[in-house]
Protein backbone atom coordinates (compact mmCIF):
# COMPACT_ATOMS: atom_id res chain seq x y z
CA UNK A 1 60.67 106.32 63.03
CA UNK A 2 64.40 105.50 62.90
CA UNK A 3 65.14 108.21 65.48
CA UNK A 4 62.55 106.71 67.84
CA UNK A 5 64.06 103.23 67.45
CA UNK A 6 67.61 104.52 68.02
CA UNK A 7 66.52 106.51 71.12
CA UNK A 8 64.67 103.49 72.50
CA UNK A 9 67.71 101.25 71.92
CA UNK A 10 69.96 103.72 73.73
CA UNK A 11 67.52 103.94 76.63
CA UNK A 12 67.40 100.15 76.97
CA UNK A 13 71.21 99.89 76.75
CA UNK A 14 71.66 102.54 79.45
CA UNK A 15 69.14 100.89 81.77
CA UNK A 16 71.06 97.59 81.52
CA UNK A 17 74.32 99.32 82.38
CA UNK A 18 73.59 100.32 85.97
CA UNK A 19 76.66 101.51 87.82
CA UNK A 20 77.87 99.40 90.70
CA UNK A 21 77.44 102.27 93.16
CA UNK A 22 73.80 102.80 92.11
CA UNK A 23 73.07 99.09 92.38
CA UNK A 24 74.68 98.85 95.82
CA UNK A 25 72.85 101.88 97.21
CA UNK A 26 69.51 100.60 95.90
CA UNK A 27 70.03 97.15 97.46
CA UNK A 28 71.04 98.61 100.81
CA UNK A 29 68.01 100.92 100.84
CA UNK A 30 65.85 97.84 100.21
CA UNK A 31 67.53 96.11 103.19
CA UNK A 32 66.78 99.15 105.32
CA UNK A 33 63.05 98.51 104.88
CA UNK A 34 63.42 95.16 106.71
CA UNK A 35 64.26 96.89 110.02
CA UNK A 36 62.03 98.72 112.49
CA UNK A 37 62.81 102.37 113.14
CA UNK A 38 63.97 101.58 116.70
CA UNK A 39 66.88 99.56 115.27
CA UNK A 40 68.32 102.77 113.78
CA UNK A 41 69.61 100.78 110.79
CA UNK A 42 72.27 102.47 108.72
CA UNK A 43 75.03 101.53 106.31
CA UNK A 44 78.07 103.12 104.75
CA UNK A 45 80.07 101.96 101.74
CA UNK A 46 83.71 102.12 102.87
CA UNK A 47 85.54 100.73 99.84
CA UNK A 48 84.84 98.95 96.58
CA UNK A 49 86.92 97.49 93.78
CA UNK A 50 85.74 96.60 90.30
CA UNK A 51 87.10 93.79 88.09
CA UNK A 52 88.78 92.01 91.01
CA UNK A 53 88.74 88.40 89.79
CA UNK A 54 87.51 88.91 86.23
CA UNK A 55 85.85 91.68 84.21
CA UNK A 56 82.36 92.62 85.42
CA UNK A 57 82.72 91.67 89.06
CA UNK A 58 83.20 93.71 92.22
CA UNK A 59 83.74 93.61 95.94
CA UNK A 60 82.31 96.07 98.45
CA UNK A 61 83.30 96.69 102.03
CA UNK A 62 80.62 98.36 104.08
CA UNK A 63 79.67 99.18 107.65
CA UNK A 64 76.19 98.26 108.83
CA UNK A 65 74.42 99.19 112.03
CA UNK A 66 71.83 96.44 112.54
CA UNK A 67 70.31 94.36 115.37
CA UNK A 68 73.80 93.22 116.44
CA UNK A 69 75.23 96.76 116.48
CA UNK A 70 77.98 97.94 114.16
CA UNK A 71 79.45 95.27 111.92
CA UNK A 72 81.67 95.39 108.87
CA UNK A 73 81.01 93.25 105.82
CA UNK A 74 82.60 92.31 102.53
CA UNK A 75 80.41 91.25 99.62
CA UNK A 76 81.17 89.82 96.18
CA UNK A 77 79.15 90.76 93.09
CA UNK A 78 79.05 89.72 89.44
CA UNK A 79 77.48 91.54 86.53
CA UNK A 80 75.53 89.17 84.29
CA UNK A 81 73.74 90.39 81.16
CA UNK A 82 74.21 94.00 82.25
CA UNK A 83 72.75 93.47 85.75
CA UNK A 84 74.64 93.29 89.04
CA UNK A 85 74.05 90.19 91.20
CA UNK A 86 74.92 89.94 94.90
CA UNK A 87 76.74 86.59 95.21
CA UNK A 88 78.37 86.18 98.65
CA UNK A 89 78.79 88.10 101.89
CA UNK A 90 80.86 87.70 105.05
CA UNK A 91 81.10 89.90 108.11
CA UNK A 92 83.13 90.73 111.16
CA UNK A 93 83.05 92.83 114.30
CA UNK A 94 85.74 95.07 115.72
CA UNK A 95 85.90 93.14 119.01
CA UNK A 96 87.10 90.04 117.17
CA UNK A 97 90.57 91.38 116.42
CA UNK A 98 92.17 87.98 115.82
CA UNK A 99 89.58 86.23 113.72
CA UNK A 100 88.66 85.98 110.07
CA UNK A 101 86.18 84.33 107.75
CA UNK A 102 86.13 83.09 104.18
CA UNK A 103 83.55 82.78 101.47
CA UNK A 104 82.59 79.19 100.77
CA UNK A 105 82.41 79.47 96.98
CA UNK A 106 84.83 80.55 94.27
CA UNK A 107 86.31 83.07 94.46
CA UNK A 108 87.53 82.33 97.96
CA UNK A 109 87.69 85.69 99.67
CA UNK A 110 89.29 85.74 103.10
CA UNK A 111 88.65 88.76 105.32
CA UNK A 112 88.56 90.14 108.83
CA UNK A 113 88.57 93.20 111.05
CA UNK A 114 91.68 94.31 112.92
CA UNK A 115 92.21 97.03 115.48
CA UNK A 116 95.71 96.05 116.59
CA UNK A 117 98.03 98.81 115.34
CA UNK A 118 101.06 96.50 115.44
CA UNK A 119 99.72 94.32 112.60
CA UNK A 120 101.61 95.29 109.46
CA UNK A 121 100.58 92.57 106.98
CA UNK A 122 98.03 89.77 106.68
CA UNK A 123 98.37 86.65 104.52
CA UNK A 124 95.74 84.12 103.47
CA UNK A 125 97.90 81.25 102.31
CA UNK A 126 100.45 82.88 100.00
CA UNK A 127 98.19 85.83 99.11
CA UNK A 128 99.00 89.13 100.82
CA UNK A 129 95.82 90.85 101.94
CA UNK A 130 94.79 94.37 101.07
CA UNK A 131 94.28 96.38 104.26
CA UNK A 132 91.67 99.15 104.25
CA UNK A 133 91.74 101.85 106.95
CA UNK A 134 88.17 102.34 108.17
CA UNK A 135 88.19 104.69 111.18
CA UNK A 136 90.51 105.28 114.09
CA UNK A 137 92.58 102.14 114.66
CA UNK A 138 89.99 99.98 112.91
CA UNK A 139 91.08 98.37 109.68
CA UNK A 140 89.63 95.66 107.47
CA UNK A 141 91.61 93.25 105.33
CA UNK A 142 90.77 90.91 102.49
CA UNK A 143 92.63 88.52 100.22
CA UNK A 144 91.38 86.64 97.19
CA UNK A 145 92.68 83.14 96.68
CA UNK A 146 92.14 80.24 94.31
CA UNK A 147 92.59 77.91 97.27
CA UNK A 148 90.06 76.86 99.87
CA UNK A 149 91.04 76.26 103.49
CA UNK A 150 94.28 78.20 103.74
CA UNK A 151 95.99 79.34 106.90
CA UNK A 152 95.78 82.99 107.81
CA UNK A 153 98.58 84.83 109.58
CA UNK A 154 99.36 88.31 110.79
CA UNK A 155 102.82 89.80 110.48
CA UNK A 156 103.53 92.38 113.16
CA UNK A 157 105.78 95.41 112.96
CA UNK A 158 108.53 93.56 114.86
CA UNK A 159 108.47 90.75 112.26
CA UNK A 160 106.73 88.15 114.42
CA UNK A 161 104.10 86.03 112.73
CA UNK A 162 100.89 84.80 114.32
CA UNK A 163 98.48 82.18 112.95
CA UNK A 164 94.86 83.29 113.33
CA UNK A 165 91.73 81.25 114.01
CA UNK A 166 88.64 81.50 111.83
CA UNK A 167 85.52 83.41 112.93
CA UNK A 168 82.57 81.53 114.36
CA UNK A 169 79.86 82.37 111.79
CA UNK A 170 77.09 81.69 114.35
CA UNK A 171 77.70 85.15 115.83
CA UNK A 172 76.34 86.78 112.64
CA UNK A 173 73.03 84.92 112.54
CA UNK A 174 69.85 86.72 113.60
């Protein structure tokens, strides 16, 4: 009887400890069901980081081919009571090389797509962004800040700085 109880306890503990990658793939497969076959919906996890703001949280950067074509997104997740929860998402498109967006709730995550090879660094307020190479000249950046409504700037290879305007979120609505 004790062996059965111990095995059951281990099984329950393991089921509550779903890996982030498994959770993400399952959620994206569920999203896939919302699209008709003619959309040719697909997704690809490009990058993820665990424990970014505090233990048991994560960010994921992923490409998605949906009704608007190919877009790149960043999402924030928190693990609560052993279960991952999708909290916030923002997206961008490659054609919007000089725009960015931010998440409206804490943590404030600033992000955007860039395809200009001369951009060396990106700053959201005082926070230097992490730049992820995606494919070809396409890169995606993100910075996590405690501050809302910061200015975003690019620093180019020649040292010039350029303030960047925020993305119009209407372009991502269905």
